[in-house]
Amino acid sequence: MLRQLVEARSRVLGATHPDTLASRHNLVNTYLTVGNTKRAEPELPDLLADTKARFGPDHNEARNVQELAQMLAASGGDARHLDSFDA
């Protein structure tokens, strides 16, 4: 259901609209919470880049996405490709 919400918001509002970014964040967070790192991993680079582009690298939203990358790494996922995005 979250995936469908992300797709609908992306289509209607655009991928970098704050509401869409919030939905994308929730989707990745849900994947990580249930232990599905394989689904979370490919979503994070674009989410982090889009969030930083929209709000700036020092904004709390960008830091929140960076925390998801830390959760991914702690869960055994590959967050090395996110090193260049450190907030």
PDB file of N, CA and C in Angstrom:
ATOM      1  N   MET A   1       0.813  -1.187   0.000  1.00  0.00           N
ATOM      2  CA  MET A   1       0.000   0.000   0.000  1.00  0.00           C
ATOM      3  C   MET A   1       0.866   1.265   0.000  1.00  0.00           C
ATOM      4  N   LEU A   2       1.952   1.271   0.796  1.00  0.00           N
ATOM      5  CA  LEU A   2       2.845   2.431   0.791  1.00  0.00           C
ATOM      6  C   LEU A   2       3.485   2.639  -0.573  1.00  0.00           C
ATOM      7  N   ARG A   3       3.853   1.548  -1.220  1.00  0.00           N
ATOM      8  CA  ARG A   3       4.452   1.653  -2.554  1.00  0.00           C
ATOM      9  C   ARG A   3       3.475   2.335  -3.511  1.00  0.00           C
ATOM     10  N   GLN A   4       2.208   1.967  -3.427  1.00  0.00           N
ATOM     11  CA  GLN A   4       1.192   2.580  -4.295  1.00  0.00           C
ATOM     12  C   GLN A   4       1.022   4.067  -3.985  1.00  0.00           C
ATOM     13  N   LEU A   5       1.102   4.425  -2.706  1.00  0.00           N
ATOM     14  CA  LEU A   5       1.008   5.831  -2.318  1.00  0.00           C
ATOM     15  C   LEU A   5       2.194   6.613  -2.871  1.00  0.00           C
ATOM     16  N   VAL A   6       3.394   6.055  -2.763  1.00  0.00           N
ATOM     17  CA  VAL A   6       4.587   6.710  -3.301  1.00  0.00           C
ATOM     18  C   VAL A   6       4.439   6.918  -4.810  1.00  0.00           C
ATOM     19  N   GLU A   7       4.002   5.897  -5.496  1.00  0.00           N
ATOM     20  CA  GLU A   7       3.838   6.003  -6.947  1.00  0.00           C
ATOM     21  C   GLU A   7       2.801   7.060  -7.313  1.00  0.00           C
ATOM     22  N   ALA A   8       1.690   7.089  -6.591  1.00  0.00           N
ATOM     23  CA  ALA A   8       0.638   8.070  -6.885  1.00  0.00           C
ATOM     24  C   ALA A   8       1.117   9.493  -6.597  1.00  0.00           C
ATOM     25  N   ARG A   9       1.763   9.673  -5.466  1.00  0.00           N
ATOM     26  CA  ARG A   9       2.257  11.010  -5.137  1.00  0.00           C
ATOM     27  C   ARG A   9       3.341  11.464  -6.112  1.00  0.00           C
ATOM     28  N   SER A  10       4.198  10.542  -6.506  1.00  0.00           N
ATOM     29  CA  SER A  10       5.237  10.893  -7.475  1.00  0.00           C
ATOM     30  C   SER A  10       4.617  11.338  -8.790  1.00  0.00           C
ATOM     31  N   ARG A  11       3.597  10.625  -9.197  1.00  0.00           N
ATOM     32  CA  ARG A  11       2.925  10.930 -10.464  1.00  0.00           C
ATOM     33  C   ARG A  11       2.200  12.271 -10.400  1.00  0.00           C
ATOM     34  N   VAL A  12       1.525  12.528  -9.298  1.00  0.00           N
ATOM     35  CA  VAL A  12       0.696  13.729  -9.181  1.00  0.00           C
ATOM     36  C   VAL A  12       1.489  14.949  -8.710  1.00  0.00           C
ATOM     37  N   LEU A  13       2.330  14.757  -7.701  1.00  0.00           N
ATOM     38  CA  LEU A  13       3.030  15.884  -7.085  1.00  0.00           C
ATOM     39  C   LEU A  13       4.468  16.053  -7.552  1.00  0.00           C
ATOM     40  N   GLY A  14       5.061  14.953  -8.018  1.00  0.00           N
ATOM     41  CA  GLY A  14       6.472  14.969  -8.385  1.00  0.00           C
ATOM     42  C   GLY A  14       7.306  14.281  -7.312  1.00  0.00           C
ATOM     43  N   ALA A  15       8.429  13.751  -7.719  1.00  0.00           N
ATOM     44  CA  ALA A  15       9.270  12.944  -6.829  1.00  0.00           C
ATOM     45  C   ALA A  15       9.880  13.734  -5.684  1.00  0.00           C
ATOM     46  N   THR A  16      10.038  15.045  -5.859  1.00  0.00           N
ATOM     47  CA  THR A  16      10.700  15.830  -4.813  1.00  0.00           C
ATOM     48  C   THR A  16       9.747  16.722  -4.025  1.00  0.00           C
ATOM     49  N   HIS A  17       8.455  16.534  -4.213  1.00  0.00           N
ATOM     50  CA  HIS A  17       7.490  17.257  -3.393  1.00  0.00           C
ATOM     51  C   HIS A  17       7.641  16.774  -1.947  1.00  0.00           C
ATOM     52  N   PRO A  18       7.536  17.667  -0.973  1.00  0.00           N
ATOM     53  CA  PRO A  18       7.702  17.245   0.427  1.00  0.00           C
ATOM     54  C   PRO A  18       6.813  16.077   0.852  1.00  0.00           C
ATOM     55  N   ASP A  19       5.571  16.050   0.384  1.00  0.00           N
ATOM     56  CA  ASP A  19       4.688  14.935   0.741  1.00  0.00           C
ATOM     57  C   ASP A  19       5.167  13.619   0.123  1.00  0.00           C
ATOM     58  N   THR A  20       5.662  13.690  -1.093  1.00  0.00           N
ATOM     59  CA  THR A  20       6.194  12.492  -1.748  1.00  0.00           C
ATOM     60  C   THR A  20       7.457  12.021  -1.035  1.00  0.00           C
ATOM     61  N   LEU A  21       8.326  12.953  -0.701  1.00  0.00           N
ATOM     62  CA  LEU A  21       9.550  12.584   0.025  1.00  0.00           C
ATOM     63  C   LEU A  21       9.212  11.944   1.365  1.00  0.00           C
ATOM     64  N   ALA A  22       8.212  12.464   2.046  1.00  0.00           N
ATOM     65  CA  ALA A  22       7.794  11.875   3.322  1.00  0.00           C
ATOM     66  C   ALA A  22       7.282  10.445   3.117  1.00  0.00           C
ATOM     67  N   SER A  23       6.525  10.229   2.058  1.00  0.00           N
ATOM     68  CA  SER A  23       6.017   8.882   1.768  1.00  0.00           C
ATOM     69  C   SER A  23       7.161   7.931   1.407  1.00  0.00           C
ATOM     70  N   ARG A  24       8.116   8.429   0.645  1.00  0.00           N
ATOM     71  CA  ARG A  24       9.275   7.603   0.285  1.00  0.00           C
ATOM     72  C   ARG A  24      10.079   7.244   1.531  1.00  0.00           C
ATOM     73  N   HIS A  25      10.242   8.208   2.429  1.00  0.00           N
ATOM     74  CA  HIS A  25      10.937   7.963   3.697  1.00  0.00           C
ATOM     75  C   HIS A  25      10.205   6.890   4.491  1.00  0.00           C
ATOM     76  N   ASN A  26       8.884   7.021   4.583  1.00  0.00           N
ATOM     77  CA  ASN A  26       8.090   6.040   5.329  1.00  0.00           C
ATOM     78  C   ASN A  26       8.204   4.644   4.720  1.00  0.00           C
ATOM     79  N   LEU A  27       8.251   4.579   3.405  1.00  0.00           N
ATOM     80  CA  LEU A  27       8.387   3.290   2.732  1.00  0.00           C
ATOM     81  C   LEU A  27       9.714   2.630   3.094  1.00  0.00           C
ATOM     82  N   VAL A  28      10.802   3.379   2.984  1.00  0.00           N
ATOM     83  CA  VAL A  28      12.117   2.823   3.308  1.00  0.00           C
ATOM     84  C   VAL A  28      12.184   2.452   4.791  1.00  0.00           C
ATOM     85  N   ASN A  29      11.654   3.304   5.640  1.00  0.00           N
ATOM     86  CA  ASN A  29      11.648   3.016   7.069  1.00  0.00           C
ATOM     87  C   ASN A  29      10.870   1.736   7.373  1.00  0.00           C
ATOM     88  N   THR A  30       9.755   1.556   6.703  1.00  0.00           N
ATOM     89  CA  THR A  30       8.957   0.336   6.896  1.00  0.00           C
ATOM     90  C   THR A  30       9.738  -0.898   6.450  1.00  0.00           C
ATOM     91  N   TYR A  31      10.363  -0.811   5.287  1.00  0.00           N
ATOM     92  CA  TYR A  31      11.184  -1.938   4.826  1.00  0.00           C
ATOM     93  C   TYR A  31      12.245  -2.296   5.862  1.00  0.00           C
ATOM     94  N   LEU A  32      12.922  -1.284   6.402  1.00  0.00           N
ATOM     95  CA  LEU A  32      13.981  -1.538   7.373  1.00  0.00           C
ATOM     96  C   LEU A  32      13.419  -2.085   8.681  1.00  0.00           C
ATOM     97  N   THR A  33      12.281  -1.570   9.099  1.00  0.00           N
ATOM     98  CA  THR A  33      11.673  -2.015  10.347  1.00  0.00           C
ATOM     99  C   THR A  33      11.298  -3.491  10.298  1.00  0.00           C
ATOM    100  N   VAL A  34      10.858  -3.960   9.135  1.00  0.00           N
ATOM    101  CA  VAL A  34      10.475  -5.371   9.017  1.00  0.00           C
ATOM    102  C   VAL A  34      11.648  -6.244   8.568  1.00  0.00           C
ATOM    103  N   GLY A  35      12.829  -5.628   8.428  1.00  0.00           N
ATOM    104  CA  GLY A  35      14.026  -6.393   8.090  1.00  0.00           C
ATOM    105  C   GLY A  35      14.226  -6.656   6.612  1.00  0.00           C
ATOM    106  N   ASN A  36      13.551  -5.917   5.766  1.00  0.00           N
ATOM    107  CA  ASN A  36      13.664  -6.129   4.332  1.00  0.00           C
ATOM    108  C   ASN A  36      14.691  -5.154   3.736  1.00  0.00           C
ATOM    109  N   THR A  37      15.956  -5.417   4.017  1.00  0.00           N
ATOM    110  CA  THR A  37      17.024  -4.533   3.541  1.00  0.00           C
ATOM    111  C   THR A  37      17.155  -4.563   2.025  1.00  0.00           C
ATOM    112  N   LYS A  38      16.809  -5.668   1.415  1.00  0.00           N
ATOM    113  CA  LYS A  38      16.919  -5.783  -0.053  1.00  0.00           C
ATOM    114  C   LYS A  38      16.005  -4.784  -0.769  1.00  0.00           C
ATOM    115  N   ARG A  39      14.876  -4.495  -0.183  1.00  0.00           N
ATOM    116  CA  ARG A  39      13.965  -3.525  -0.792  1.00  0.00           C
ATOM    117  C   ARG A  39      14.340  -2.096  -0.411  1.00  0.00           C
ATOM    118  N   ALA A  40      14.862  -1.915   0.780  1.00  0.00           N
ATOM    119  CA  ALA A  40      15.239  -0.571   1.240  1.00  0.00           C
ATOM    120  C   ALA A  40      16.468  -0.050   0.509  1.00  0.00           C
ATOM    121  N   GLU A  41      17.419  -0.935   0.285  1.00  0.00           N
ATOM    122  CA  GLU A  41      18.719  -0.549  -0.272  1.00  0.00           C
ATOM    123  C   GLU A  41      18.642   0.259  -1.570  1.00  0.00           C
ATOM    124  N   PRO A  42      17.910  -0.183  -2.584  1.00  0.00           N
ATOM    125  CA  PRO A  42      17.896   0.574  -3.838  1.00  0.00           C
ATOM    126  C   PRO A  42      17.130   1.902  -3.763  1.00  0.00           C
ATOM    127  N   GLU A  43      16.295   2.052  -2.754  1.00  0.00           N
ATOM    128  CA  GLU A  43      15.497   3.282  -2.621  1.00  0.00           C
ATOM    129  C   GLU A  43      16.307   4.437  -2.020  1.00  0.00           C
ATOM    130  N   LEU A  44      17.281   4.112  -1.181  1.00  0.00           N
ATOM    131  CA  LEU A  44      17.954   5.140  -0.398  1.00  0.00           C
ATOM    132  C   LEU A  44      18.792   6.150  -1.180  1.00  0.00           C
ATOM    133  N   PRO A  45      19.594   5.765  -2.151  1.00  0.00           N
ATOM    134  CA  PRO A  45      20.422   6.773  -2.817  1.00  0.00           C
ATOM    135  C   PRO A  45      19.606   7.912  -3.449  1.00  0.00           C
ATOM    136  N   ASP A  46      18.561   7.574  -4.169  1.00  0.00           N
ATOM    137  CA  ASP A  46      17.729   8.609  -4.795  1.00  0.00           C
ATOM    138  C   ASP A  46      16.960   9.409  -3.750  1.00  0.00           C
ATOM    139  N   LEU A  47      16.467   8.726  -2.721  1.00  0.00           N
ATOM    140  CA  LEU A  47      15.748   9.439  -1.664  1.00  0.00           C
ATOM    141  C   LEU A  47      16.659  10.451  -0.988  1.00  0.00           C
ATOM    142  N   LEU A  48      17.866  10.051  -0.676  1.00  0.00           N
ATOM    143  CA  LEU A  48      18.794  10.964  -0.025  1.00  0.00           C
ATOM    144  C   LEU A  48      19.174  12.122  -0.942  1.00  0.00           C
ATOM    145  N   ALA A  49      19.477  11.823  -2.189  1.00  0.00           N
ATOM    146  CA  ALA A  49      19.834  12.880  -3.143  1.00  0.00           C
ATOM    147  C   ALA A  49      18.670  13.849  -3.350  1.00  0.00           C
ATOM    148  N   ASP A  50      17.464  13.325  -3.517  1.00  0.00           N
ATOM    149  CA  ASP A  50      16.293  14.179  -3.733  1.00  0.00           C
ATOM    150  C   ASP A  50      15.974  15.026  -2.502  1.00  0.00           C
ATOM    151  N   THR A  51      16.127  14.432  -1.326  1.00  0.00           N
ATOM    152  CA  THR A  51      15.856  15.165  -0.090  1.00  0.00           C
ATOM    153  C   THR A  51      16.857  16.293   0.097  1.00  0.00           C
ATOM    154  N   LYS A  52      18.135  16.000  -0.159  1.00  0.00           N
ATOM    155  CA  LYS A  52      19.155  17.046  -0.033  1.00  0.00           C
ATOM    156  C   LYS A  52      18.960  18.142  -1.077  1.00  0.00           C
ATOM    157  N   ALA A  53      18.567  17.761  -2.279  1.00  0.00           N
ATOM    158  CA  ALA A  53      18.328  18.758  -3.327  1.00  0.00           C
ATOM    159  C   ALA A  53      17.144  19.656  -2.966  1.00  0.00           C
ATOM    160  N   ARG A  54      16.140  19.076  -2.373  1.00  0.00           N
ATOM    161  CA  ARG A  54      14.926  19.841  -2.029  1.00  0.00           C
ATOM    162  C   ARG A  54      15.130  20.739  -0.812  1.00  0.00           C
ATOM    163  N   PHE A  55      15.765  20.183   0.239  1.00  0.00           N
ATOM    164  CA  PHE A  55      15.847  20.888   1.513  1.00  0.00           C
ATOM    165  C   PHE A  55      17.239  21.404   1.867  1.00  0.00           C
ATOM    166  N   GLY A  56      18.255  20.865   1.221  1.00  0.00           N
ATOM    167  CA  GLY A  56      19.629  21.204   1.576  1.00  0.00           C
ATOM    168  C   GLY A  56      20.234  20.111   2.444  1.00  0.00           C
ATOM    169  N   PRO A  57      21.556  19.968   2.389  1.00  0.00           N
ATOM    170  CA  PRO A  57      22.212  18.859   3.087  1.00  0.00           C
ATOM    171  C   PRO A  57      22.177  18.951   4.604  1.00  0.00           C
ATOM    172  N   ASP A  58      21.965  20.140   5.147  1.00  0.00           N
ATOM    173  CA  ASP A  58      21.970  20.299   6.601  1.00  0.00           C
ATOM    174  C   ASP A  58      20.584  20.322   7.225  1.00  0.00           C
ATOM    175  N   HIS A  59      19.570  20.133   6.406  1.00  0.00           N
ATOM    176  CA  HIS A  59      18.190  20.143   6.892  1.00  0.00           C
ATOM    177  C   HIS A  59      17.900  18.858   7.664  1.00  0.00           C
ATOM    178  N   ASN A  60      16.994  18.952   8.618  1.00  0.00           N
ATOM    179  CA  ASN A  60      16.618  17.776   9.421  1.00  0.00           C
ATOM    180  C   ASN A  60      16.098  16.635   8.561  1.00  0.00           C
ATOM    181  N   GLU A  61      15.390  16.941   7.485  1.00  0.00           N
ATOM    182  CA  GLU A  61      14.877  15.875   6.618  1.00  0.00           C
ATOM    183  C   GLU A  61      16.026  15.076   6.005  1.00  0.00           C
ATOM    184  N   ALA A  62      17.083  15.767   5.592  1.00  0.00           N
ATOM    185  CA  ALA A  62      18.245  15.069   5.034  1.00  0.00           C
ATOM    186  C   ALA A  62      18.924  14.223   6.110  1.00  0.00           C
ATOM    187  N   ARG A  63      18.978  14.739   7.304  1.00  0.00           N
ATOM    188  CA  ARG A  63      19.571  13.968   8.411  1.00  0.00           C
ATOM    189  C   ARG A  63      18.722  12.742   8.728  1.00  0.00           C
ATOM    190  N   ASN A  64      17.411  12.891   8.639  1.00  0.00           N
ATOM    191  CA  ASN A  64      16.528  11.748   8.894  1.00  0.00           C
ATOM    192  C   ASN A  64      16.753  10.638   7.877  1.00  0.00           C
ATOM    193  N   VAL A  65      16.960  11.002   6.623  1.00  0.00           N
ATOM    194  CA  VAL A  65      17.233   9.990   5.603  1.00  0.00           C
ATOM    195  C   VAL A  65      18.603   9.368   5.842  1.00  0.00           C
ATOM    196  N   GLN A  66      19.563  10.166   6.264  1.00  0.00           N
ATOM    197  CA  GLN A  66      20.882   9.624   6.582  1.00  0.00           C
ATOM    198  C   GLN A  66      20.779   8.602   7.719  1.00  0.00           C
ATOM    199  N   GLU A  67      19.884   8.842   8.660  1.00  0.00           N
ATOM    200  CA  GLU A  67      19.651   7.870   9.732  1.00  0.00           C
ATOM    201  C   GLU A  67      19.128   6.552   9.170  1.00  0.00           C
ATOM    202  N   LEU A  68      18.322   6.622   8.117  1.00  0.00           N
ATOM    203  CA  LEU A  68      17.869   5.389   7.473  1.00  0.00           C
ATOM    204  C   LEU A  68      19.054   4.627   6.892  1.00  0.00           C
ATOM    205  N   ALA A  69      20.011   5.354   6.325  1.00  0.00           N
ATOM    206  CA  ALA A  69      21.211   4.700   5.787  1.00  0.00           C
ATOM    207  C   ALA A  69      21.988   4.027   6.913  1.00  0.00           C
ATOM    208  N   GLN A  70      22.026   4.654   8.070  1.00  0.00           N
ATOM    209  CA  GLN A  70      22.694   4.047   9.220  1.00  0.00           C
ATOM    210  C   GLN A  70      21.944   2.807   9.695  1.00  0.00           C
ATOM    211  N   MET A  71      20.622   2.868   9.656  1.00  0.00           N
ATOM    212  CA  MET A  71      19.822   1.693  10.006  1.00  0.00           C
ATOM    213  C   MET A  71      20.089   0.558   9.025  1.00  0.00           C
ATOM    214  N   LEU A  72      20.200   0.899   7.748  1.00  0.00           N
ATOM    215  CA  LEU A  72      20.493  -0.103   6.727  1.00  0.00           C
ATOM    216  C   LEU A  72      21.826  -0.773   7.015  1.00  0.00           C
ATOM    217  N   ALA A  73      22.841   0.021   7.306  1.00  0.00           N
ATOM    218  CA  ALA A  73      24.162  -0.531   7.598  1.00  0.00           C
ATOM    219  C   ALA A  73      24.117  -1.406   8.852  1.00  0.00           C
ATOM    220  N   ALA A  74      23.391  -0.964   9.865  1.00  0.00           N
ATOM    221  CA  ALA A  74      23.283  -1.740  11.106  1.00  0.00           C
ATOM    222  C   ALA A  74      22.530  -3.047  10.900  1.00  0.00           C
ATOM    223  N   SER A  75      21.682  -3.076   9.877  1.00  0.00           N
ATOM    224  CA  SER A  75      20.898  -4.278   9.581  1.00  0.00           C
ATOM    225  C   SER A  75      21.632  -5.227   8.642  1.00  0.00           C
ATOM    226  N   GLY A  76      22.851  -4.864   8.285  1.00  0.00           N
ATOM    227  CA  GLY A  76      23.632  -5.727   7.400  1.00  0.00           C
ATOM    228  C   GLY A  76      23.497  -5.383   5.935  1.00  0.00           C
ATOM    229  N   GLY A  77      22.803  -4.306   5.622  1.00  0.00           N
ATOM    230  CA  GLY A  77      22.672  -3.884   4.234  1.00  0.00           C
ATOM    231  C   GLY A  77      23.907  -3.134   3.768  1.00  0.00           C
ATOM    232  N   ASP A  78      23.988  -2.921   2.497  1.00  0.00           N
ATOM    233  CA  ASP A  78      25.135  -2.236   1.898  1.00  0.00           C
ATOM    234  C   ASP A  78      24.843  -0.749   1.787  1.00  0.00           C
ATOM    235  N   ALA A  79      25.421   0.022   2.689  1.00  0.00           N
ATOM    236  CA  ALA A  79      25.237   1.475   2.672  1.00  0.00           C
ATOM    237  C   ALA A  79      26.499   2.179   2.202  1.00  0.00           C
ATOM    238  N   ARG A  80      27.474   1.423   1.691  1.00  0.00           N
ATOM    239  CA  ARG A  80      28.737   2.032   1.262  1.00  0.00           C
ATOM    240  C   ARG A  80      28.520   3.046   0.149  1.00  0.00           C
ATOM    241  N   HIS A  81      27.597   2.791  -0.743  1.00  0.00           N
ATOM    242  CA  HIS A  81      27.328   3.716  -1.837  1.00  0.00           C
ATOM    243  C   HIS A  81      26.729   5.029  -1.350  1.00  0.00           C
ATOM    244  N   LEU A  82      26.372   5.103  -0.084  1.00  0.00           N
ATOM    245  CA  LEU A  82      25.818   6.326   0.484  1.00  0.00           C
ATOM    246  C   LEU A  82      26.873   7.153   1.211  1.00  0.00           C
ATOM    247  N   ASP A  83      28.115   6.668   1.282  1.00  0.00           N
ATOM    248  CA  ASP A  83      29.168   7.388   1.991  1.00  0.00           C
ATOM    249  C   ASP A  83      29.347   8.807   1.489  1.00  0.00           C
ATOM    250  N   SER A  84      29.228   8.992   0.194  1.00  0.00           N
ATOM    251  CA  SER A  84      29.431  10.321  -0.375  1.00  0.00           C
ATOM    252  C   SER A  84      28.277  11.264  -0.049  1.00  0.00           C
ATOM    253  N   PHE A  85      27.217  10.748   0.560  1.00  0.00           N
ATOM    254  CA  PHE A  85      26.065  11.569   0.892  1.00  0.00           C
ATOM    255  C   PHE A  85      25.994  11.916   2.372  1.00  0.00           C
ATOM    256  N   ASP A  86      27.062  11.647   3.125  1.00  0.00           N
ATOM    257  CA  ASP A  86      27.030  11.930   4.557  1.00  0.00           C
ATOM    258  C   ASP A  86      26.602  13.358   4.821  1.00  0.00           C
ATOM    259  N   ALA A  87      25.679  13.491   5.750  1.00  0.00           N
ATOM    260  CA  ALA A  87      25.178  14.828   6.105  1.00  0.00           C
ATOM    261  C   ALA A  87      26.141  15.513   7.055  1.00  0.00           C
TER     262      ALA A  87
END
